[in-house]
């Protein structure tokens, strides 16, 4: 049981490390002045593509983490295997 927990922790750590590396690479490669503008009541709001890419990578890492943890919890509860045992 502890081996599966440690393995799960490493998987989550790798996902977050990959998400951070990808987010930093996106932020570094995309220029600051490229983006899109949203019209608002108090004036236009400019959102750079590099910020969108950064937060998309962070959101993906969080989503994968939640899905992996939920899958592990379902398997731990004993309702059956969702996609097979964690290896």
PDB file of N, CA and C in Angstrom:
ATOM      1  N   UNK A   1       0.820  -1.190   0.000  1.00  0.00           N
ATOM      2  CA  UNK A   1       0.000   0.000   0.000  1.00  0.00           C
ATOM      3  C   UNK A   1       0.871   1.264   0.000  1.00  0.00           C
ATOM      4  N   UNK A   2       1.909   1.301   0.815  1.00  0.00           N
ATOM      5  CA  UNK A   2       2.774   2.472   0.876  1.00  0.00           C
ATOM      6  C   UNK A   2       3.548   2.639  -0.428  1.00  0.00           C
ATOM      7  N   UNK A   3       3.867   1.527  -1.077  1.00  0.00           N
ATOM      8  CA  UNK A   3       4.577   1.596  -2.355  1.00  0.00           C
ATOM      9  C   UNK A   3       3.712   2.276  -3.415  1.00  0.00           C
ATOM     10  N   UNK A   4       2.428   1.969  -3.421  1.00  0.00           N
ATOM     11  CA  UNK A   4       1.519   2.613  -4.371  1.00  0.00           C
ATOM     12  C   UNK A   4       1.388   4.102  -4.073  1.00  0.00           C
ATOM     13  N   UNK A   5       1.357   4.457  -2.801  1.00  0.00           N
ATOM     14  CA  UNK A   5       1.262   5.863  -2.420  1.00  0.00           C
ATOM     15  C   UNK A   5       2.498   6.631  -2.852  1.00  0.00           C
ATOM     16  N   UNK A   6       3.662   6.053  -2.651  1.00  0.00           N
ATOM     17  CA  UNK A   6       4.907   6.702  -3.069  1.00  0.00           C
ATOM     18  C   UNK A   6       4.948   6.827  -4.591  1.00  0.00           C
ATOM     19  N   UNK A   7       4.517   5.782  -5.277  1.00  0.00           N
ATOM     20  CA  UNK A   7       4.486   5.816  -6.738  1.00  0.00           C
ATOM     21  C   UNK A   7       3.525   6.898  -7.232  1.00  0.00           C
ATOM     22  N   UNK A   8       2.392   7.019  -6.590  1.00  0.00           N
ATOM     23  CA  UNK A   8       1.420   8.054  -6.944  1.00  0.00           C
ATOM     24  C   UNK A   8       1.998   9.440  -6.702  1.00  0.00           C
ATOM     25  N   UNK A   9       2.703   9.612  -5.604  1.00  0.00           N
ATOM     26  CA  UNK A   9       3.320  10.904  -5.291  1.00  0.00           C
ATOM     27  C   UNK A   9       4.368  11.268  -6.349  1.00  0.00           C
ATOM     28  N   UNK A  10       5.154  10.290  -6.789  1.00  0.00           N
ATOM     29  CA  UNK A  10       6.146  10.548  -7.831  1.00  0.00           C
ATOM     30  C   UNK A  10       5.484  10.903  -9.161  1.00  0.00           C
ATOM     31  N   UNK A  11       4.400  10.219  -9.492  1.00  0.00           N
ATOM     32  CA  UNK A  11       3.691  10.536 -10.731  1.00  0.00           C
ATOM     33  C   UNK A  11       3.162  11.962 -10.695  1.00  0.00           C
ATOM     34  N   UNK A  12       2.582  12.349  -9.592  1.00  0.00           N
ATOM     35  CA  UNK A  12       2.059  13.704  -9.454  1.00  0.00           C
ATOM     36  C   UNK A  12       3.196  14.714  -9.524  1.00  0.00           C
ATOM     37  N   UNK A  13       4.307  14.419  -8.888  1.00  0.00           N
ATOM     38  CA  UNK A  13       5.462  15.326  -8.929  1.00  0.00           C
ATOM     39  C   UNK A  13       5.987  15.471 -10.353  1.00  0.00           C
ATOM     40  N   UNK A  14       6.030  14.380 -11.119  1.00  0.00           N
ATOM     41  CA  UNK A  14       6.492  14.452 -12.506  1.00  0.00           C
ATOM     42  C   UNK A  14       5.524  15.271 -13.371  1.00  0.00           C
ATOM     43  N   UNK A  15       4.229  15.101 -13.136  1.00  0.00           N
ATOM     44  CA  UNK A  15       3.244  15.873 -13.895  1.00  0.00           C
ATOM     45  C   UNK A  15       3.416  17.360 -13.619  1.00  0.00           C
ATOM     46  N   UNK A  16       3.578  17.715 -12.338  1.00  0.00           N
ATOM     47  CA  UNK A  16       3.744  19.129 -12.001  1.00  0.00           C
ATOM     48  C   UNK A  16       5.064  19.683 -12.525  1.00  0.00           C
ATOM     49  N   UNK A  17       6.119  18.904 -12.448  1.00  0.00           N
ATOM     50  CA  UNK A  17       7.406  19.364 -12.983  1.00  0.00           C
ATOM     51  C   UNK A  17       7.306  19.581 -14.489  1.00  0.00           C
ATOM     52  N   UNK A  18       6.679  18.643 -15.175  1.00  0.00           N
ATOM     53  CA  UNK A  18       6.481  18.800 -16.612  1.00  0.00           C
ATOM     54  C   UNK A  18       5.615  19.999 -16.942  1.00  0.00           C
ATOM     55  N   UNK A  19       4.568  20.216 -16.164  1.00  0.00           N
ATOM     56  CA  UNK A  19       3.702  21.369 -16.371  1.00  0.00           C
ATOM     57  C   UNK A  19       4.447  22.676 -16.188  1.00  0.00           C
ATOM     58  N   UNK A  20       5.259  22.746 -15.127  1.00  0.00           N
ATOM     59  CA  UNK A  20       6.037  23.966 -14.889  1.00  0.00           C
ATOM     60  C   UNK A  20       7.054  24.198 -16.007  1.00  0.00           C
ATOM     61  N   UNK A  21       7.755  23.145 -16.425  1.00  0.00           N
ATOM     62  CA  UNK A  21       8.746  23.297 -17.496  1.00  0.00           C
ATOM     63  C   UNK A  21       8.097  23.733 -18.802  1.00  0.00           C
ATOM     64  N   UNK A  22       6.971  23.115 -19.140  1.00  0.00           N
ATOM     65  CA  UNK A  22       6.262  23.492 -20.347  1.00  0.00           C
ATOM     66  C   UNK A  22       5.742  24.924 -20.259  1.00  0.00           C
ATOM     67  N   UNK A  23       5.225  25.301 -19.095  1.00  0.00           N
ATOM     68  CA  UNK A  23       4.709  26.654 -18.911  1.00  0.00           C
ATOM     69  C   UNK A  23       5.818  27.692 -19.029  1.00  0.00           C
ATOM     70  N   UNK A  24       6.961  27.414 -18.451  1.00  0.00           N
ATOM     71  CA  UNK A  24       8.089  28.352 -18.538  1.00  0.00           C
ATOM     72  C   UNK A  24       8.583  28.447 -19.977  1.00  0.00           C
ATOM     73  N   UNK A  25       8.629  27.322 -20.679  1.00  0.00           N
ATOM     74  CA  UNK A  25       9.059  27.337 -22.079  1.00  0.00           C
ATOM     75  C   UNK A  25       8.092  28.147 -22.941  1.00  0.00           C
ATOM     76  N   UNK A  26       6.794  27.962 -22.721  1.00  0.00           N
ATOM     77  CA  UNK A  26       5.792  28.722 -23.471  1.00  0.00           C
ATOM     78  C   UNK A  26       5.944  30.205 -23.192  1.00  0.00           C
ATOM     79  N   UNK A  27       6.122  30.541 -21.930  1.00  0.00           N
ATOM     80  CA  UNK A  27       6.255  31.956 -21.552  1.00  0.00           C
ATOM     81  C   UNK A  27       7.521  32.567 -22.153  1.00  0.00           C
ATOM     82  N   UNK A  28       8.586  31.782 -22.245  1.00  0.00           N
ATOM     83  CA  UNK A  28       9.842  32.298 -22.787  1.00  0.00           C
ATOM     84  C   UNK A  28       9.813  32.413 -24.310  1.00  0.00           C
ATOM     85  N   UNK A  29       9.117  31.500 -24.983  1.00  0.00           N
ATOM     86  CA  UNK A  29       9.140  31.480 -26.442  1.00  0.00           C
ATOM     87  C   UNK A  29       8.161  32.457 -27.084  1.00  0.00           C
ATOM     88  N   UNK A  30       7.010  32.650 -26.470  1.00  0.00           N
ATOM     89  CA  UNK A  30       6.021  33.543 -27.075  1.00  0.00           C
ATOM     90  C   UNK A  30       6.319  34.989 -26.712  1.00  0.00           C
ATOM     91  N   UNK A  31       6.250  35.874 -27.683  1.00  0.00           N
ATOM     92  CA  UNK A  31       6.534  37.278 -27.388  1.00  0.00           C
ATOM     93  C   UNK A  31       5.458  37.909 -26.500  1.00  0.00           C
ATOM     94  N   UNK A  32       5.871  38.903 -25.735  1.00  0.00           N
ATOM     95  CA  UNK A  32       4.986  39.571 -24.777  1.00  0.00           C
ATOM     96  C   UNK A  32       3.897  40.384 -25.477  1.00  0.00           C
ATOM     97  N   UNK A  33       4.200  40.918 -26.660  1.00  0.00           N
ATOM     98  CA  UNK A  33       3.262  41.814 -27.321  1.00  0.00           C
ATOM     99  C   UNK A  33       2.268  41.100 -28.235  1.00  0.00           C
ATOM    100  N   UNK A  34       2.313  39.771 -28.313  1.00  0.00           N
ATOM    101  CA  UNK A  34       1.374  39.010 -29.119  1.00  0.00           C
ATOM    102  C   UNK A  34       0.243  38.541 -28.223  1.00  0.00           C
ATOM    103  N   UNK A  35      -0.997  38.749 -28.629  1.00  0.00           N
ATOM    104  CA  UNK A  35      -2.116  38.324 -27.802  1.00  0.00           C
ATOM    105  C   UNK A  35      -3.445  38.745 -28.395  1.00  0.00           C
ATOM    106  N   UNK A  36      -4.458  38.833 -27.549  1.00  0.00           N
ATOM    107  CA  UNK A  36      -5.773  39.264 -28.004  1.00  0.00           C
ATOM    108  C   UNK A  36      -6.344  40.259 -27.008  1.00  0.00           C
ATOM    109  N   UNK A  37      -7.286  41.049 -27.492  1.00  0.00           N
ATOM    110  CA  UNK A  37      -7.872  42.110 -26.684  1.00  0.00           C
ATOM    111  C   UNK A  37      -9.351  41.812 -26.460  1.00  0.00           C
ATOM    112  N   UNK A  38      -9.783  41.955 -25.226  1.00  0.00           N
ATOM    113  CA  UNK A  38     -11.184  41.773 -24.858  1.00  0.00           C
ATOM    114  C   UNK A  38     -11.750  43.143 -24.506  1.00  0.00           C
ATOM    115  N   UNK A  39     -12.854  43.495 -25.137  1.00  0.00           N
ATOM    116  CA  UNK A  39     -13.488  44.784 -24.855  1.00  0.00           C
ATOM    117  C   UNK A  39     -14.299  44.671 -23.563  1.00  0.00           C
ATOM    118  N   UNK A  40     -14.131  45.661 -22.693  1.00  0.00           N
ATOM    119  CA  UNK A  40     -14.854  45.670 -21.431  1.00  0.00           C
ATOM    120  C   UNK A  40     -15.474  47.027 -21.171  1.00  0.00           C
ATOM    121  N   UNK A  41     -16.218  47.141 -20.077  1.00  0.00           N
ATOM    122  CA  UNK A  41     -16.878  48.395 -19.734  1.00  0.00           C
ATOM    123  C   UNK A  41     -15.870  49.493 -19.395  1.00  0.00           C
ATOM    124  N   UNK A  42     -14.773  49.122 -18.767  1.00  0.00           N
ATOM    125  CA  UNK A  42     -13.789  50.109 -18.341  1.00  0.00           C
ATOM    126  C   UNK A  42     -12.633  50.257 -19.333  1.00  0.00           C
ATOM    127  N   UNK A  43     -12.774  49.667 -20.492  1.00  0.00           N
ATOM    128  CA  UNK A  43     -11.734  49.775 -21.511  1.00  0.00           C
ATOM    129  C   UNK A  43     -11.278  48.395 -21.965  1.00  0.00           C
ATOM    130  N   UNK A  44     -10.433  48.374 -22.991  1.00  0.00           N
ATOM    131  CA  UNK A  44      -9.961  47.080 -23.511  1.00  0.00           C
ATOM    132  C   UNK A  44      -8.962  46.414 -22.560  1.00  0.00           C
ATOM    133  N   UNK A  45      -9.015  45.089 -22.558  1.00  0.00           N
ATOM    134  CA  UNK A  45      -8.102  44.294 -21.732  1.00  0.00           C
ATOM    135  C   UNK A  45      -7.247  43.438 -22.670  1.00  0.00           C
ATOM    136  N   UNK A  46      -5.950  43.661 -22.659  1.00  0.00           N
ATOM    137  CA  UNK A  46      -5.027  42.898 -23.499  1.00  0.00           C
ATOM    138  C   UNK A  46      -4.516  41.692 -22.722  1.00  0.00           C
ATOM    139  N   UNK A  47      -4.637  40.516 -23.325  1.00  0.00           N
ATOM    140  CA  UNK A  47      -4.139  39.283 -22.712  1.00  0.00           C
ATOM    141  C   UNK A  47      -3.115  38.680 -23.659  1.00  0.00           C
ATOM    142  N   UNK A  48      -1.883  38.561 -23.188  1.00  0.00           N
ATOM    143  CA  UNK A  48      -0.794  38.028 -24.000  1.00  0.00           C
ATOM    144  C   UNK A  48      -0.909  36.506 -24.114  1.00  0.00           C
ATOM    145  N   UNK A  49      -0.531  35.989 -25.284  1.00  0.00           N
ATOM    146  CA  UNK A  49      -0.572  34.546 -25.512  1.00  0.00           C
ATOM    147  C   UNK A  49       0.339  33.797 -24.544  1.00  0.00           C
ATOM    148  N   UNK A  50       1.474  34.396 -24.164  1.00  0.00           N
ATOM    149  CA  UNK A  50       2.383  33.678 -23.274  1.00  0.00           C
ATOM    150  C   UNK A  50       1.755  33.480 -21.897  1.00  0.00           C
ATOM    151  N   UNK A  51       0.928  34.399 -21.443  1.00  0.00           N
ATOM    152  CA  UNK A  51       0.230  34.213 -20.155  1.00  0.00           C
ATOM    153  C   UNK A  51      -0.857  33.156 -20.264  1.00  0.00           C
ATOM    154  N   UNK A  52      -1.564  33.142 -21.386  1.00  0.00           N
ATOM    155  CA  UNK A  52      -2.591  32.126 -21.609  1.00  0.00           C
ATOM    156  C   UNK A  52      -1.949  30.740 -21.638  1.00  0.00           C
ATOM    157  N   UNK A  53      -0.830  30.608 -22.344  1.00  0.00           N
ATOM    158  CA  UNK A  53      -0.130  29.326 -22.402  1.00  0.00           C
ATOM    159  C   UNK A  53       0.368  28.873 -21.044  1.00  0.00           C
ATOM    160  N   UNK A  54       0.895  29.821 -20.256  1.00  0.00           N
ATOM    161  CA  UNK A  54       1.389  29.502 -18.920  1.00  0.00           C
ATOM    162  C   UNK A  54       0.268  28.939 -18.047  1.00  0.00           C
ATOM    163  N   UNK A  55      -0.858  29.645 -17.999  1.00  0.00           N
ATOM    164  CA  UNK A  55      -1.952  29.197 -17.127  1.00  0.00           C
ATOM    165  C   UNK A  55      -2.644  27.947 -17.665  1.00  0.00           C
ATOM    166  N   UNK A  56      -2.618  27.741 -18.963  1.00  0.00           N
ATOM    167  CA  UNK A  56      -3.163  26.504 -19.520  1.00  0.00           C
ATOM    168  C   UNK A  56      -2.341  25.301 -19.058  1.00  0.00           C
ATOM    169  N   UNK A  57      -1.020  25.435 -19.054  1.00  0.00           N
ATOM    170  CA  UNK A  57      -0.151  24.352 -18.577  1.00  0.00           C
ATOM    171  C   UNK A  57      -0.383  24.079 -17.094  1.00  0.00           C
ATOM    172  N   UNK A  58      -0.539  25.124 -16.313  1.00  0.00           N
ATOM    173  CA  UNK A  58      -0.791  24.947 -14.879  1.00  0.00           C
ATOM    174  C   UNK A  58      -2.142  24.275 -14.647  1.00  0.00           C
ATOM    175  N   UNK A  59      -3.161  24.679 -15.399  1.00  0.00           N
ATOM    176  CA  UNK A  59      -4.488  24.082 -15.263  1.00  0.00           C
ATOM    177  C   UNK A  59      -4.448  22.603 -15.662  1.00  0.00           C
ATOM    178  N   UNK A  60      -3.699  22.273 -16.702  1.00  0.00           N
ATOM    179  CA  UNK A  60      -3.578  20.875 -17.135  1.00  0.00           C
ATOM    180  C   UNK A  60      -2.910  20.024 -16.053  1.00  0.00           C
ATOM    181  N   UNK A  61      -1.862  20.550 -15.426  1.00  0.00           N
ATOM    182  CA  UNK A  61      -1.189  19.807 -14.359  1.00  0.00           C
ATOM    183  C   UNK A  61      -2.136  19.589 -13.184  1.00  0.00           C
ATOM    184  N   UNK A  62      -2.917  20.588 -12.837  1.00  0.00           N
ATOM    185  CA  UNK A  62      -3.880  20.443 -11.733  1.00  0.00           C
ATOM    186  C   UNK A  62      -4.956  19.420 -12.085  1.00  0.00           C
ATOM    187  N   UNK A  63      -5.446  19.458 -13.317  1.00  0.00           N
ATOM    188  CA  UNK A  63      -6.483  18.525 -13.742  1.00  0.00           C
ATOM    189  C   UNK A  63      -5.984  17.080 -13.710  1.00  0.00           C
ATOM    190  N   UNK A  64      -4.790  16.847 -14.227  1.00  0.00           N
ATOM    191  CA  UNK A  64      -4.225  15.495 -14.207  1.00  0.00           C
ATOM    192  C   UNK A  64      -4.034  15.016 -12.770  1.00  0.00           C
ATOM    193  N   UNK A  65      -3.571  15.902 -11.902  1.00  0.00           N
ATOM    194  CA  UNK A  65      -3.393  15.542 -10.494  1.00  0.00           C
ATOM    195  C   UNK A  65      -4.716  15.112  -9.868  1.00  0.00           C
ATOM    196  N   UNK A  66      -5.748  15.892 -10.091  1.00  0.00           N
ATOM    197  CA  UNK A  66      -7.065  15.566  -9.521  1.00  0.00           C
ATOM    198  C   UNK A  66      -7.559  14.231 -10.067  1.00  0.00           C
ATOM    199  N   UNK A  67      -7.427  14.013 -11.368  1.00  0.00           N
ATOM    200  CA  UNK A  67      -7.903  12.756 -11.950  1.00  0.00           C
ATOM    201  C   UNK A  67      -7.132  11.549 -11.423  1.00  0.00           C
ATOM    202  N   UNK A  68      -5.830  11.679 -11.257  1.00  0.00           N
ATOM    203  CA  UNK A  68      -5.024  10.568 -10.734  1.00  0.00           C
ATOM    204  C   UNK A  68      -5.403  10.281  -9.283  1.00  0.00           C
ATOM    205  N   UNK A  69      -5.594  11.319  -8.489  1.00  0.00           N
ATOM    206  CA  UNK A  69      -5.955  11.123  -7.086  1.00  0.00           C
ATOM    207  C   UNK A  69      -7.339  10.508  -6.971  1.00  0.00           C
ATOM    208  N   UNK A  70      -8.299  10.971  -7.760  1.00  0.00           N
ATOM    209  CA  UNK A  70      -9.650  10.395  -7.717  1.00  0.00           C
ATOM    210  C   UNK A  70      -9.618   8.928  -8.129  1.00  0.00           C
ATOM    211  N   UNK A  71      -8.853   8.615  -9.166  1.00  0.00           N
ATOM    212  CA  UNK A  71      -8.734   7.217  -9.606  1.00  0.00           C
ATOM    213  C   UNK A  71      -8.151   6.349  -8.487  1.00  0.00           C
ATOM    214  N   UNK A  72      -7.125   6.853  -7.830  1.00  0.00           N
ATOM    215  CA  UNK A  72      -6.514   6.099  -6.738  1.00  0.00           C
ATOM    216  C   UNK A  72      -7.499   5.919  -5.582  1.00  0.00           C
ATOM    217  N   UNK A  73      -8.281   6.941  -5.297  1.00  0.00           N
ATOM    218  CA  UNK A  73      -9.261   6.841  -4.217  1.00  0.00           C
ATOM    219  C   UNK A  73     -10.339   5.817  -4.547  1.00  0.00           C
ATOM    220  N   UNK A  74     -10.802   5.810  -5.797  1.00  0.00           N
ATOM    221  CA  UNK A  74     -11.827   4.840  -6.199  1.00  0.00           C
ATOM    222  C   UNK A  74     -11.292   3.422  -6.084  1.00  0.00           C
ATOM    223  N   UNK A  75     -10.056   3.215  -6.513  1.00  0.00           N
ATOM    224  CA  UNK A  75      -9.466   1.886  -6.397  1.00  0.00           C
ATOM    225  C   UNK A  75      -9.239   1.502  -4.942  1.00  0.00           C
ATOM    226  N   UNK A  76      -8.897   2.487  -4.114  1.00  0.00           N
ATOM    227  CA  UNK A  76      -8.643   2.221  -2.708  1.00  0.00           C
ATOM    228  C   UNK A  76      -9.924   1.878  -1.957  1.00  0.00           C
ATOM    229  N   UNK A  77     -11.017   2.497  -2.347  1.00  0.00           N
ATOM    230  CA  UNK A  77     -12.298   2.224  -1.695  1.00  0.00           C
ATOM    231  C   UNK A  77     -12.731   0.793  -1.965  1.00  0.00           C
ATOM    232  N   UNK A  78     -12.369   0.285  -3.127  1.00  0.00           N
ATOM    233  CA  UNK A  78     -12.676  -1.114  -3.417  1.00  0.00           C
ATOM    234  C   UNK A  78     -13.900  -1.295  -4.279  1.00  0.00           C
ATOM    235  N   UNK A  79     -14.283  -0.268  -5.008  1.00  0.00           N
ATOM    236  CA  UNK A  79     -15.446  -0.393  -5.883  1.00  0.00           C
ATOM    237  C   UNK A  79     -15.098  -1.098  -7.180  1.00  0.00           C
ATOM    238  N   UNK A  80     -13.894  -1.562  -7.289  1.00  0.00           N
ATOM    239  CA  UNK A  80     -13.466  -2.247  -8.495  1.00  0.00           C
ATOM    240  C   UNK A  80     -12.405  -1.437  -9.195  1.00  0.00           C
ATOM    241  N   UNK A  81     -11.814  -2.043 -10.165  1.00  0.00           N
ATOM    242  CA  UNK A  81     -10.748  -1.390 -10.901  1.00  0.00           C
ATOM    243  C   UNK A  81     -11.332  -0.517 -12.006  1.00  0.00           C
ATOM    244  N   UNK A  82     -10.882   0.727 -12.053  1.00  0.00           N
ATOM    245  CA  UNK A  82     -11.359   1.637 -13.092  1.00  0.00           C
ATOM    246  C   UNK A  82     -10.672   1.311 -14.411  1.00  0.00           C
ATOM    247  N   UNK A  83      -9.368   1.294 -14.412  1.00  0.00           N
ATOM    248  CA  UNK A  83      -8.618   0.958 -15.634  1.00  0.00           C
ATOM    249  C   UNK A  83      -7.511  -0.046 -15.346  1.00  0.00           C
ATOM    250  N   UNK A  84      -7.595  -0.724 -14.255  1.00  0.00           N
ATOM    251  CA  UNK A  84      -6.564  -1.679 -13.898  1.00  0.00           C
ATOM    252  C   UNK A  84      -5.753  -1.139 -12.731  1.00  0.00           C
ATOM    253  N   UNK A  85      -4.887  -1.961 -12.170  1.00  0.00           N
ATOM    254  CA  UNK A  85      -4.106  -1.527 -11.013  1.00  0.00           C
ATOM    255  C   UNK A  85      -3.041  -0.503 -11.400  1.00  0.00           C
ATOM    256  N   UNK A  86      -2.696   0.343 -10.449  1.00  0.00           N
ATOM    257  CA  UNK A  86      -1.612   1.307 -10.656  1.00  0.00           C
ATOM    258  C   UNK A  86      -0.298   0.556 -10.645  1.00  0.00           C
ATOM    259  N   UNK A  87       0.484   0.739 -11.674  1.00  0.00           N
ATOM    260  CA  UNK A  87       1.754   0.018 -11.771  1.00  0.00           C
ATOM    261  C   UNK A  87       2.894   0.960 -11.734  1.00  0.00           C
TER     262      UNK A  87
END
